[in-house]
């Protein structure tokens, strides 16, 4: 019976070592491999490079965002997509109403 108790004790020692080793390994891997969240985001704010407003069909009707040059702009598109109103303080014409072909219908500096 004494041999059984020794083997039984070693089993529990091995089981405890495996449990604590897995626990410590899990904690260390979480610390080493976890992606840190962005600290600039406020608790009641949303940070993004682009916001899109989609209609029921999934078509973008309005957008607020940055272009490839980092210039900010607001774009509103008519229901049929034939006209686009853009507002961009970085553009030469701050406000433009453009038809589908690219012709400027109206603009203001």
PDB file of N, CA and C in Angstrom:
ATOM      1  N   UNK A   1       0.805  -1.195   0.000  1.00  0.00           N
ATOM      2  CA  UNK A   1       0.000   0.000   0.000  1.00  0.00           C
ATOM      3  C   UNK A   1       0.851   1.262   0.000  1.00  0.00           C
ATOM      4  N   UNK A   2       2.045   1.175   0.619  1.00  0.00           N
ATOM      5  CA  UNK A   2       2.901   2.336   0.698  1.00  0.00           C
ATOM      6  C   UNK A   2       3.355   2.749  -0.700  1.00  0.00           C
ATOM      7  N   UNK A   3       3.641   1.823  -1.589  1.00  0.00           N
ATOM      8  CA  UNK A   3       4.036   2.124  -2.957  1.00  0.00           C
ATOM      9  C   UNK A   3       2.930   2.860  -3.702  1.00  0.00           C
ATOM     10  N   UNK A   4       1.697   2.494  -3.429  1.00  0.00           N
ATOM     11  CA  UNK A   4       0.558   3.163  -4.048  1.00  0.00           C
ATOM     12  C   UNK A   4       0.481   4.612  -3.578  1.00  0.00           C
ATOM     13  N   UNK A   5       0.717   4.875  -2.306  1.00  0.00           N
ATOM     14  CA  UNK A   5       0.662   6.226  -1.742  1.00  0.00           C
ATOM     15  C   UNK A   5       1.751   7.106  -2.348  1.00  0.00           C
ATOM     16  N   UNK A   6       2.951   6.531  -2.560  1.00  0.00           N
ATOM     17  CA  UNK A   6       4.031   7.308  -3.160  1.00  0.00           C
ATOM     18  C   UNK A   6       3.690   7.638  -4.603  1.00  0.00           C
ATOM     19  N   UNK A   7       3.212   6.646  -5.350  1.00  0.00           N
ATOM     20  CA  UNK A   7       2.839   6.884  -6.738  1.00  0.00           C
ATOM     21  C   UNK A   7       1.670   7.877  -6.817  1.00  0.00           C
ATOM     22  N   UNK A   8       0.757   7.742  -5.869  1.00  0.00           N
ATOM     23  CA  UNK A   8      -0.407   8.626  -5.821  1.00  0.00           C
ATOM     24  C   UNK A   8       0.051  10.053  -5.502  1.00  0.00           C
ATOM     25  N   UNK A   9       0.999  10.216  -4.588  1.00  0.00           N
ATOM     26  CA  UNK A   9       1.537  11.533  -4.234  1.00  0.00           C
ATOM     27  C   UNK A   9       2.274  12.160  -5.402  1.00  0.00           C
ATOM     28  N   UNK A  10       3.059  11.358  -6.127  1.00  0.00           N
ATOM     29  CA  UNK A  10       3.779  11.875  -7.295  1.00  0.00           C
ATOM     30  C   UNK A  10       2.802  12.317  -8.385  1.00  0.00           C
ATOM     31  N   UNK A  11       1.729  11.578  -8.527  1.00  0.00           N
ATOM     32  CA  UNK A  11       0.721  11.934  -9.518  1.00  0.00           C
ATOM     33  C   UNK A  11       0.134  13.309  -9.222  1.00  0.00           C
ATOM     34  N   UNK A  12      -0.239  13.540  -7.959  1.00  0.00           N
ATOM     35  CA  UNK A  12      -0.809  14.831  -7.583  1.00  0.00           C
ATOM     36  C   UNK A  12       0.227  15.948  -7.701  1.00  0.00           C
ATOM     37  N   UNK A  13       1.496  15.655  -7.397  1.00  0.00           N
ATOM     38  CA  UNK A  13       2.556  16.635  -7.559  1.00  0.00           C
ATOM     39  C   UNK A  13       2.719  16.988  -9.044  1.00  0.00           C
ATOM     40  N   UNK A  14       2.699  15.978  -9.899  1.00  0.00           N
ATOM     41  CA  UNK A  14       2.797  16.210 -11.339  1.00  0.00           C
ATOM     42  C   UNK A  14       1.574  16.973 -11.850  1.00  0.00           C
ATOM     43  N   UNK A  15       0.394  16.626 -11.358  1.00  0.00           N
ATOM     44  CA  UNK A  15      -0.836  17.311 -11.741  1.00  0.00           C
ATOM     45  C   UNK A  15      -0.795  18.777 -11.322  1.00  0.00           C
ATOM     46  N   UNK A  16      -0.346  19.051 -10.092  1.00  0.00           N
ATOM     47  CA  UNK A  16      -0.251  20.430  -9.611  1.00  0.00           C
ATOM     48  C   UNK A  16       0.787  21.216 -10.416  1.00  0.00           C
ATOM     49  N   UNK A  17       1.923  20.594 -10.743  1.00  0.00           N
ATOM     50  CA  UNK A  17       2.957  21.272 -11.526  1.00  0.00           C
ATOM     51  C   UNK A  17       2.435  21.605 -12.926  1.00  0.00           C
ATOM     52  N   UNK A  18       1.705  20.688 -13.534  1.00  0.00           N
ATOM     53  CA  UNK A  18       1.149  20.930 -14.867  1.00  0.00           C
ATOM     54  C   UNK A  18       0.109  22.053 -14.820  1.00  0.00           C
ATOM     55  N   UNK A  19      -0.718  22.060 -13.788  1.00  0.00           N
ATOM     56  CA  UNK A  19      -1.749  23.099 -13.652  1.00  0.00           C
ATOM     57  C   UNK A  19      -1.116  24.479 -13.505  1.00  0.00           C
ATOM     58  N   UNK A  20      -0.177  24.605 -12.562  1.00  0.00           N
ATOM     59  CA  UNK A  20       0.459  25.907 -12.331  1.00  0.00           C
ATOM     60  C   UNK A  20       1.345  26.317 -13.502  1.00  0.00           C
ATOM     61  N   UNK A  21       1.982  25.366 -14.159  1.00  0.00           N
ATOM     62  CA  UNK A  21       2.774  25.680 -15.351  1.00  0.00           C
ATOM     63  C   UNK A  21       1.898  26.214 -16.472  1.00  0.00           C
ATOM     64  N   UNK A  22       0.741  25.605 -16.665  1.00  0.00           N
ATOM     65  CA  UNK A  22      -0.200  26.087 -17.675  1.00  0.00           C
ATOM     66  C   UNK A  22      -0.751  27.457 -17.332  1.00  0.00           C
ATOM     67  N   UNK A  23      -1.019  27.684 -16.058  1.00  0.00           N
ATOM     68  CA  UNK A  23      -1.526  28.972 -15.600  1.00  0.00           C
ATOM     69  C   UNK A  23      -0.493  30.081 -15.835  1.00  0.00           C
ATOM     70  N   UNK A  24       0.744  29.840 -15.422  1.00  0.00           N
ATOM     71  CA  UNK A  24       1.809  30.825 -15.599  1.00  0.00           C
ATOM     72  C   UNK A  24       2.096  31.037 -17.089  1.00  0.00           C
ATOM     73  N   UNK A  25       2.133  29.969 -17.856  1.00  0.00           N
ATOM     74  CA  UNK A  25       2.358  30.084 -19.299  1.00  0.00           C
ATOM     75  C   UNK A  25       1.252  30.873 -19.985  1.00  0.00           C
ATOM     76  N   UNK A  26       0.021  30.664 -19.591  1.00  0.00           N
ATOM     77  CA  UNK A  26      -1.101  31.404 -20.166  1.00  0.00           C
ATOM     78  C   UNK A  26      -1.031  32.889 -19.846  1.00  0.00           C
ATOM     79  N   UNK A  27      -0.681  33.216 -18.617  1.00  0.00           N
ATOM     80  CA  UNK A  27      -0.564  34.624 -18.225  1.00  0.00           C
ATOM     81  C   UNK A  27       0.569  35.292 -18.991  1.00  0.00           C
ATOM     82  N   UNK A  28       1.723  34.638 -19.074  1.00  0.00           N
ATOM     83  CA  UNK A  28       2.864  35.220 -19.777  1.00  0.00           C
ATOM     84  C   UNK A  28       2.600  35.375 -21.272  1.00  0.00           C
ATOM     85  N   UNK A  29       1.957  34.391 -21.888  1.00  0.00           N
ATOM     86  CA  UNK A  29       1.679  34.501 -23.321  1.00  0.00           C
ATOM     87  C   UNK A  29       0.647  35.587 -23.593  1.00  0.00           C
ATOM     88  N   UNK A  30      -0.303  35.773 -22.695  1.00  0.00           N
ATOM     89  CA  UNK A  30      -1.283  36.842 -22.863  1.00  0.00           C
ATOM     90  C   UNK A  30      -0.594  38.200 -22.801  1.00  0.00           C
ATOM     91  N   UNK A  31       0.339  38.362 -21.879  1.00  0.00           N
ATOM     92  CA  UNK A  31       1.069  39.620 -21.763  1.00  0.00           C
ATOM     93  C   UNK A  31       1.979  39.863 -22.964  1.00  0.00           C
ATOM     94  N   UNK A  32       2.608  38.818 -23.460  1.00  0.00           N
ATOM     95  CA  UNK A  32       3.566  38.970 -24.552  1.00  0.00           C
ATOM     96  C   UNK A  32       2.897  39.102 -25.912  1.00  0.00           C
ATOM     97  N   UNK A  33       1.758  38.456 -26.131  1.00  0.00           N
ATOM     98  CA  UNK A  33       1.155  38.404 -27.448  1.00  0.00           C
ATOM     99  C   UNK A  33      -0.105  39.232 -27.611  1.00  0.00           C
ATOM    100  N   UNK A  34      -0.585  39.862 -26.547  1.00  0.00           N
ATOM    101  CA  UNK A  34      -1.832  40.602 -26.663  1.00  0.00           C
ATOM    102  C   UNK A  34      -1.611  41.923 -27.378  1.00  0.00           C
ATOM    103  N   UNK A  35      -2.633  42.333 -28.139  1.00  0.00           N
ATOM    104  CA  UNK A  35      -2.598  43.598 -28.857  1.00  0.00           C
ATOM    105  C   UNK A  35      -3.144  44.672 -27.926  1.00  0.00           C
ATOM    106  N   UNK A  36      -2.395  45.722 -27.764  1.00  0.00           N
ATOM    107  CA  UNK A  36      -2.813  46.806 -26.879  1.00  0.00           C
ATOM    108  C   UNK A  36      -3.827  47.690 -27.600  1.00  0.00           C
ATOM    109  N   UNK A  37      -4.831  48.182 -26.873  1.00  0.00           N
ATOM    110  CA  UNK A  37      -5.835  49.045 -27.469  1.00  0.00           C
ATOM    111  C   UNK A  37      -5.282  50.459 -27.633  1.00  0.00           C
ATOM    112  N   UNK A  38      -5.908  51.199 -28.514  1.00  0.00           N
ATOM    113  CA  UNK A  38      -5.499  52.572 -28.764  1.00  0.00           C
ATOM    114  C   UNK A  38      -5.897  53.416 -27.564  1.00  0.00           C
ATOM    115  N   UNK A  39      -4.955  54.169 -27.038  1.00  0.00           N
ATOM    116  CA  UNK A  39      -5.203  54.965 -25.844  1.00  0.00           C
ATOM    117  C   UNK A  39      -5.852  56.310 -26.141  1.00  0.00           C
ATOM    118  N   UNK A  40      -5.869  56.742 -27.420  1.00  0.00           N
ATOM    119  CA  UNK A  40      -6.398  58.053 -27.766  1.00  0.00           C
ATOM    120  C   UNK A  40      -7.920  58.087 -27.765  1.00  0.00           C
ATOM    121  N   UNK A  41      -8.565  56.944 -27.797  1.00  0.00           N
ATOM    122  CA  UNK A  41     -10.014  56.906 -27.880  1.00  0.00           C
ATOM    123  C   UNK A  41     -10.642  57.238 -26.534  1.00  0.00           C
ATOM    124  N   UNK A  42     -11.606  58.136 -26.564  1.00  0.00           N
ATOM    125  CA  UNK A  42     -12.313  58.530 -25.347  1.00  0.00           C
ATOM    126  C   UNK A  42     -13.413  57.514 -25.052  1.00  0.00           C
ATOM    127  N   UNK A  43     -13.813  57.377 -23.800  1.00  0.00           N
ATOM    128  CA  UNK A  43     -14.858  56.417 -23.457  1.00  0.00           C
ATOM    129  C   UNK A  43     -16.187  56.685 -24.166  1.00  0.00           C
ATOM    130  N   UNK A  44     -16.497  57.956 -24.448  1.00  0.00           N
ATOM    131  CA  UNK A  44     -17.773  58.274 -25.087  1.00  0.00           C
ATOM    132  C   UNK A  44     -17.591  58.745 -26.519  1.00  0.00           C
ATOM    133  N   UNK A  45     -16.451  58.444 -27.159  1.00  0.00           N
ATOM    134  CA  UNK A  45     -16.180  58.868 -28.524  1.00  0.00           C
ATOM    135  C   UNK A  45     -15.891  57.683 -29.428  1.00  0.00           C
ATOM    136  N   UNK A  46     -15.871  57.970 -30.719  1.00  0.00           N
ATOM    137  CA  UNK A  46     -15.558  56.957 -31.727  1.00  0.00           C
ATOM    138  C   UNK A  46     -14.455  57.529 -32.610  1.00  0.00           C
ATOM    139  N   UNK A  47     -13.403  56.775 -32.809  1.00  0.00           N
ATOM    140  CA  UNK A  47     -12.304  57.197 -33.669  1.00  0.00           C
ATOM    141  C   UNK A  47     -12.288  56.347 -34.921  1.00  0.00           C
ATOM    142  N   UNK A  48     -12.153  56.994 -36.065  1.00  0.00           N
ATOM    143  CA  UNK A  48     -12.084  56.279 -37.337  1.00  0.00           C
ATOM    144  C   UNK A  48     -11.494  57.204 -38.383  1.00  0.00           C
ATOM    145  N   UNK A  49     -11.074  56.637 -39.492  1.00  0.00           N
ATOM    146  CA  UNK A  49     -10.585  57.433 -40.609  1.00  0.00           C
ATOM    147  C   UNK A  49     -11.693  57.733 -41.605  1.00  0.00           C
ATOM    148  N   UNK A  50     -12.804  57.007 -41.526  1.00  0.00           N
ATOM    149  CA  UNK A  50     -13.897  57.207 -42.469  1.00  0.00           C
ATOM    150  C   UNK A  50     -15.209  56.759 -41.845  1.00  0.00           C
ATOM    151  N   UNK A  51     -16.258  57.529 -42.098  1.00  0.00           N
ATOM    152  CA  UNK A  51     -17.612  57.177 -41.696  1.00  0.00           C
ATOM    153  C   UNK A  51     -18.480  57.186 -42.943  1.00  0.00           C
ATOM    154  N   UNK A  52     -19.257  56.136 -43.152  1.00  0.00           N
ATOM    155  CA  UNK A  52     -20.148  56.049 -44.307  1.00  0.00           C
ATOM    156  C   UNK A  52     -21.584  55.890 -43.843  1.00  0.00           C
ATOM    157  N   UNK A  53     -22.492  56.572 -44.546  1.00  0.00           N
ATOM    158  CA  UNK A  53     -23.918  56.420 -44.316  1.00  0.00           C
ATOM    159  C   UNK A  53     -24.465  55.663 -45.512  1.00  0.00           C
ATOM    160  N   UNK A  54     -25.015  54.479 -45.273  1.00  0.00           N
ATOM    161  CA  UNK A  54     -25.506  53.609 -46.343  1.00  0.00           C
ATOM    162  C   UNK A  54     -27.021  53.621 -46.377  1.00  0.00           C
ATOM    163  N   UNK A  55     -27.601  53.540 -47.588  1.00  0.00           N
ATOM    164  CA  UNK A  55     -29.051  53.409 -47.696  1.00  0.00           C
ATOM    165  C   UNK A  55     -29.448  51.944 -47.481  1.00  0.00           C
ATOM    166  N   UNK A  56     -30.727  51.662 -47.599  1.00  0.00           N
ATOM    167  CA  UNK A  56     -31.222  50.301 -47.348  1.00  0.00           C
ATOM    168  C   UNK A  56     -30.607  49.278 -48.303  1.00  0.00           C
ATOM    169  N   UNK A  57     -30.202  49.703 -49.489  1.00  0.00           N
ATOM    170  CA  UNK A  57     -29.598  48.799 -50.468  1.00  0.00           C
ATOM    171  C   UNK A  57     -28.097  48.622 -50.287  1.00  0.00           C
ATOM    172  N   UNK A  58     -27.520  49.304 -49.308  1.00  0.00           N
ATOM    173  CA  UNK A  58     -26.093  49.184 -49.050  1.00  0.00           C
ATOM    174  C   UNK A  58     -25.236  50.164 -49.840  1.00  0.00           C
ATOM    175  N   UNK A  59     -25.875  51.090 -50.547  1.00  0.00           N
ATOM    176  CA  UNK A  59     -25.155  52.081 -51.351  1.00  0.00           C
ATOM    177  C   UNK A  59     -24.749  53.258 -50.456  1.00  0.00           C
ATOM    178  N   UNK A  60     -23.482  53.687 -50.564  1.00  0.00           N
ATOM    179  CA  UNK A  60     -22.995  54.818 -49.767  1.00  0.00           C
ATOM    180  C   UNK A  60     -23.655  56.099 -50.251  1.00  0.00           C
ATOM    181  N   UNK A  61     -24.356  56.785 -49.358  1.00  0.00           N
ATOM    182  CA  UNK A  61     -25.028  58.033 -49.706  1.00  0.00           C
ATOM    183  C   UNK A  61     -24.319  59.239 -49.109  1.00  0.00           C
ATOM    184  N   UNK A  62     -23.546  59.034 -48.060  1.00  0.00           N
ATOM    185  CA  UNK A  62     -22.801  60.127 -47.435  1.00  0.00           C
ATOM    186  C   UNK A  62     -21.530  59.555 -46.834  1.00  0.00           C
ATOM    187  N   UNK A  63     -20.506  60.387 -46.801  1.00  0.00           N
ATOM    188  CA  UNK A  63     -19.251  59.938 -46.224  1.00  0.00           C
ATOM    189  C   UNK A  63     -18.483  61.093 -45.622  1.00  0.00           C
ATOM    190  N   UNK A  64     -17.823  60.817 -44.549  1.00  0.00           N
ATOM    191  CA  UNK A  64     -16.947  61.781 -43.886  1.00  0.00           C
ATOM    192  C   UNK A  64     -15.630  61.065 -43.677  1.00  0.00           C
ATOM    193  N   UNK A  65     -14.545  61.648 -44.178  1.00  0.00           N
ATOM    194  CA  UNK A  65     -13.283  60.945 -44.030  1.00  0.00           C
ATOM    195  C   UNK A  65     -12.098  61.721 -44.552  1.00  0.00           C
ATOM    196  N   UNK A  66     -10.982  61.026 -44.591  1.00  0.00           N
ATOM    197  CA  UNK A  66      -9.719  61.577 -45.070  1.00  0.00           C
ATOM    198  C   UNK A  66      -9.369  60.930 -46.397  1.00  0.00           C
ATOM    199  N   UNK A  67      -8.841  61.733 -47.334  1.00  0.00           N
ATOM    200  CA  UNK A  67      -8.395  61.146 -48.593  1.00  0.00           C
ATOM    201  C   UNK A  67      -6.948  60.696 -48.468  1.00  0.00           C
ATOM    202  N   UNK A  68      -6.356  60.250 -49.561  1.00  0.00           N
ATOM    203  CA  UNK A  68      -4.993  59.724 -49.549  1.00  0.00           C
ATOM    204  C   UNK A  68      -3.966  60.770 -49.125  1.00  0.00           C
ATOM    205  N   UNK A  69      -4.289  62.053 -49.314  1.00  0.00           N
ATOM    206  CA  UNK A  69      -3.376  63.131 -48.931  1.00  0.00           C
ATOM    207  C   UNK A  69      -3.604  63.622 -47.503  1.00  0.00           C
ATOM    208  N   UNK A  70      -4.552  63.018 -46.792  1.00  0.00           N
ATOM    209  CA  UNK A  70      -4.850  63.424 -45.422  1.00  0.00           C
ATOM    210  C   UNK A  70      -5.798  64.604 -45.329  1.00  0.00           C
ATOM    211  N   UNK A  71      -6.433  64.962 -46.442  1.00  0.00           N
ATOM    212  CA  UNK A  71      -7.378  66.078 -46.447  1.00  0.00           C
ATOM    213  C   UNK A  71      -8.761  65.573 -46.066  1.00  0.00           C
ATOM    214  N   UNK A  72      -9.445  66.327 -45.211  1.00  0.00           N
ATOM    215  CA  UNK A  72     -10.755  65.929 -44.714  1.00  0.00           C
ATOM    216  C   UNK A  72     -11.830  66.374 -45.697  1.00  0.00           C
ATOM    217  N   UNK A  73     -12.918  65.610 -45.774  1.00  0.00           N
ATOM    218  CA  UNK A  73     -14.017  65.976 -46.656  1.00  0.00           C
ATOM    219  C   UNK A  73     -15.318  65.318 -46.248  1.00  0.00           C
ATOM    220  N   UNK A  74     -16.414  65.974 -46.624  1.00  0.00           N
ATOM    221  CA  UNK A  74     -17.766  65.461 -46.422  1.00  0.00           C
ATOM    222  C   UNK A  74     -18.392  65.346 -47.800  1.00  0.00           C
ATOM    223  N   UNK A  75     -18.951  64.184 -48.119  1.00  0.00           N
ATOM    224  CA  UNK A  75     -19.556  63.948 -49.431  1.00  0.00           C
ATOM    225  C   UNK A  75     -20.987  63.480 -49.230  1.00  0.00           C
ATOM    226  N   UNK A  76     -21.923  64.136 -49.926  1.00  0.00           N
ATOM    227  CA  UNK A  76     -23.337  63.759 -49.919  1.00  0.00           C
ATOM    228  C   UNK A  76     -23.728  63.433 -51.348  1.00  0.00           C
ATOM    229  N   UNK A  77     -24.370  62.299 -51.573  1.00  0.00           N
ATOM    230  CA  UNK A  77     -24.750  61.857 -52.915  1.00  0.00           C
ATOM    231  C   UNK A  77     -26.266  61.823 -53.026  1.00  0.00           C
ATOM    232  N   UNK A  78     -26.788  62.282 -54.183  1.00  0.00           N
ATOM    233  CA  UNK A  78     -28.233  62.263 -54.400  1.00  0.00           C
ATOM    234  C   UNK A  78     -28.737  60.822 -54.432  1.00  0.00           C
ATOM    235  N   UNK A  79     -30.043  60.678 -54.276  1.00  0.00           N
ATOM    236  CA  UNK A  79     -30.646  59.352 -54.209  1.00  0.00           C
ATOM    237  C   UNK A  79     -30.357  58.521 -55.459  1.00  0.00           C
ATOM    238  N   UNK A  80     -30.406  59.158 -56.631  1.00  0.00           N
ATOM    239  CA  UNK A  80     -30.140  58.424 -57.869  1.00  0.00           C
ATOM    240  C   UNK A  80     -28.660  58.413 -58.243  1.00  0.00           C
ATOM    241  N   UNK A  81     -27.833  59.082 -57.476  1.00  0.00           N
ATOM    242  CA  UNK A  81     -26.398  59.070 -57.713  1.00  0.00           C
ATOM    243  C   UNK A  81     -25.925  60.023 -58.787  1.00  0.00           C
ATOM    244  N   UNK A  82     -26.830  60.886 -59.280  1.00  0.00           N
ATOM    245  CA  UNK A  82     -26.465  61.778 -60.381  1.00  0.00           C
ATOM    246  C   UNK A  82     -25.713  63.028 -59.924  1.00  0.00           C
ATOM    247  N   UNK A  83     -25.872  63.427 -58.668  1.00  0.00           N
ATOM    248  CA  UNK A  83     -25.208  64.624 -58.164  1.00  0.00           C
ATOM    249  C   UNK A  83     -24.511  64.330 -56.845  1.00  0.00           C
ATOM    250  N   UNK A  84     -23.379  65.014 -56.658  1.00  0.00           N
ATOM    251  CA  UNK A  84     -22.603  64.864 -55.426  1.00  0.00           C
ATOM    252  C   UNK A  84     -22.267  66.249 -54.882  1.00  0.00           C
ATOM    253  N   UNK A  85     -22.525  66.444 -53.612  1.00  0.00           N
ATOM    254  CA  UNK A  85     -22.167  67.687 -52.927  1.00  0.00           C
ATOM    255  C   UNK A  85     -20.970  67.382 -52.041  1.00  0.00           C
ATOM    256  N   UNK A  86     -19.887  68.134 -52.232  1.00  0.00           N
ATOM    257  CA  UNK A  86     -18.681  67.904 -51.439  1.00  0.00           C
ATOM    258  C   UNK A  86     -18.337  69.157 -50.654  1.00  0.00           C
ATOM    259  N   UNK A  87     -17.838  68.940 -49.472  1.00  0.00           N
ATOM    260  CA  UNK A  87     -17.369  70.014 -48.602  1.00  0.00           C
ATOM    261  C   UNK A  87     -15.975  69.623 -48.141  1.00  0.00           C
ATOM    262  N   UNK A  88     -14.992  70.426 -48.527  1.00  0.00           N
ATOM    263  CA  UNK A  88     -13.613  70.142 -48.158  1.00  0.00           C
ATOM    264  C   UNK A  88     -12.868  71.449 -47.939  1.00  0.00           C
ATOM    265  N   UNK A  89     -12.497  71.751 -46.715  1.00  0.00           N
ATOM    266  CA  UNK A  89     -11.780  73.000 -46.456  1.00  0.00           C
ATOM    267  C   UNK A  89     -10.383  73.020 -47.075  1.00  0.00           C
ATOM    268  N   UNK A  90      -9.850  71.872 -47.440  1.00  0.00           N
ATOM    269  CA  UNK A  90      -8.514  71.795 -48.027  1.00  0.00           C
ATOM    270  C   UNK A  90      -8.533  71.947 -49.544  1.00  0.00           C
ATOM    271  N   UNK A  91      -9.709  71.842 -50.156  1.00  0.00           N
ATOM    272  CA  UNK A  91      -9.816  71.936 -51.614  1.00  0.00           C
ATOM    273  C   UNK A  91      -9.877  73.402 -52.036  1.00  0.00           C
ATOM    274  N   UNK A  92      -9.551  73.668 -53.320  1.00  0.00           N
ATOM    275  CA  UNK A  92      -9.590  75.036 -53.843  1.00  0.00           C
ATOM    276  C   UNK A  92     -11.006  75.603 -53.757  1.00  0.00           C
ATOM    277  N   UNK A  93     -12.012  74.810 -54.130  1.00  0.00           N
ATOM    278  CA  UNK A  93     -13.424  75.172 -53.933  1.00  0.00           C
ATOM    279  C   UNK A  93     -13.909  74.406 -52.715  1.00  0.00           C
ATOM    280  N   UNK A  94     -14.209  75.123 -51.662  1.00  0.00           N
ATOM    281  CA  UNK A  94     -14.580  74.477 -50.408  1.00  0.00           C
ATOM    282  C   UNK A  94     -15.879  73.676 -50.529  1.00  0.00           C
ATOM    283  N   UNK A  95     -16.828  74.202 -51.327  1.00  0.00           N
ATOM    284  CA  UNK A  95     -18.120  73.532 -51.521  1.00  0.00           C
ATOM    285  C   UNK A  95     -18.351  73.377 -53.022  1.00  0.00           C
ATOM    286  N   UNK A  96     -18.707  72.150 -53.446  1.00  0.00           N
ATOM    287  CA  UNK A  96     -18.967  71.896 -54.870  1.00  0.00           C
ATOM    288  C   UNK A  96     -20.172  70.980 -55.015  1.00  0.00           C
ATOM    289  N   UNK A  97     -20.983  71.297 -56.032  1.00  0.00           N
ATOM    290  CA  UNK A  97     -22.053  70.403 -56.457  1.00  0.00           C
ATOM    291  C   UNK A  97     -21.649  69.904 -57.841  1.00  0.00           C
ATOM    292  N   UNK A  98     -21.435  68.586 -57.962  1.00  0.00           N
ATOM    293  CA  UNK A  98     -20.892  67.995 -59.184  1.00  0.00           C
ATOM    294  C   UNK A  98     -21.881  66.965 -59.725  1.00  0.00           C
ATOM    295  N   UNK A  99     -22.055  66.960 -61.070  1.00  0.00           N
ATOM    296  CA  UNK A  99     -22.903  65.945 -61.676  1.00  0.00           C
ATOM    297  C   UNK A  99     -22.092  64.684 -61.935  1.00  0.00           C
ATOM    298  N   UNK A 100     -22.761  63.614 -62.308  1.00  0.00           N
ATOM    299  CA  UNK A 100     -22.136  62.298 -62.493  1.00  0.00           C
ATOM    300  C   UNK A 100     -20.955  62.340 -63.463  1.00  0.00           C
ATOM    301  N   UNK A 101     -20.998  63.118 -64.491  1.00  0.00           N
ATOM    302  CA  UNK A 101     -19.926  63.197 -65.475  1.00  0.00           C
ATOM    303  C   UNK A 101     -18.710  63.973 -64.994  1.00  0.00           C
ATOM    304  N   UNK A 102     -18.813  64.629 -63.856  1.00  0.00           N
ATOM    305  CA  UNK A 102     -17.696  65.388 -63.318  1.00  0.00           C
ATOM    306  C   UNK A 102     -17.792  66.882 -63.507  1.00  0.00           C
ATOM    307  N   UNK A 103     -18.832  67.338 -64.226  1.00  0.00           N
ATOM    308  CA  UNK A 103     -19.018  68.783 -64.442  1.00  0.00           C
ATOM    309  C   UNK A 103     -19.477  69.441 -63.152  1.00  0.00           C
ATOM    310  N   UNK A 104     -18.831  70.541 -62.773  1.00  0.00           N
ATOM    311  CA  UNK A 104     -19.181  71.292 -61.572  1.00  0.00           C
ATOM    312  C   UNK A 104     -20.405  72.134 -61.887  1.00  0.00           C
ATOM    313  N   UNK A 105     -21.524  71.859 -61.197  1.00  0.00           N
ATOM    314  CA  UNK A 105     -22.756  72.622 -61.384  1.00  0.00           C
ATOM    315  C   UNK A 105     -22.738  73.899 -60.577  1.00  0.00           C
ATOM    316  N   UNK A 106     -22.116  73.849 -59.404  1.00  0.00           N
ATOM    317  CA  UNK A 106     -22.053  75.022 -58.525  1.00  0.00           C
ATOM    318  C   UNK A 106     -20.866  74.853 -57.590  1.00  0.00           C
ATOM    319  N   UNK A 107     -20.235  75.943 -57.246  1.00  0.00           N
ATOM    320  CA  UNK A 107     -19.115  75.882 -56.323  1.00  0.00           C
ATOM    321  C   UNK A 107     -18.962  77.192 -55.593  1.00  0.00           C
ATOM    322  N   UNK A 108     -18.357  77.122 -54.429  1.00  0.00           N
ATOM    323  CA  UNK A 108     -18.102  78.325 -53.632  1.00  0.00           C
ATOM    324  C   UNK A 108     -16.728  78.198 -53.001  1.00  0.00           C
ATOM    325  N   UNK A 109     -15.999  79.303 -52.982  1.00  0.00           N
ATOM    326  CA  UNK A 109     -14.638  79.248 -52.406  1.00  0.00           C
ATOM    327  C   UNK A 109     -14.621  79.054 -50.924  1.00  0.00           C
TER     328      UNK A 109
END
